[in-house]
Amino acid sequence: MRISRKRCDYFPFCLSVRGPHNGVLPQQRRSKKGKNVGALRQMGGPSIIKGNDMPVAEIQSFLKEYFDVLQSQDIEQFDRVFHRGCVLYSAQDGVVVVRPFDEYRKMVQGRESPQSRGFGRADQILMIDVLSPDMALAKVRLRLFDNIMEDYLNLLRVDGKWTIAAKLFHRAETLAG
């Protein structure tokens, strides 16, 4: 996996699996004034440091739980992963879809899971962008039934646990059945 660290005006510490560094990680980053502004390291997976350890490893673990809940459709796990105020958004065939938490929960609860129907998995974390110790953005790609989905997940740490506050989803591909 290629990992790069990007700098932008709004999200100064960004971890991405795509980037121009050909897998070479800068061990220390200094500002133009020579001050240490952060480090990137790998220890059992990538993490970002900004003063204190940023929560990349926690987010990666949380995203595994997100992938699991979409495959198993375990409603108790669903309630731990999605914040009750979460809203899902998509634009499909020119129609904007807005799906509040309760509506999405009923939909998940009322359908057979991909796992029980024998569908394979293809889980990928494409990007984690840490805004603060309690807020992040993740881009993921996964197989859901016969579709390859790409999601942007707005994450919040609430009472010490990561949760999805909002989700943008897009069907990137439909697999031939």
Foldseek 3Di string as FASTA:
>chain_A
DAWEFDQDDQFGGKIFNDDDPRNDAFQFDADPVRHTQWGWDDDPHTWTDGPHTACPVQVVVLVVLVQVCQQQVPLVSVPQAADQQEWEWEQDPNRIDIGHPVRVNCVSVPDGGNVVVPHDKDKDWGIWGDNDSFWIWTWIWMDGNQFIKIKIFTWGQDPNHIYTRYMYMDGPDGHDD
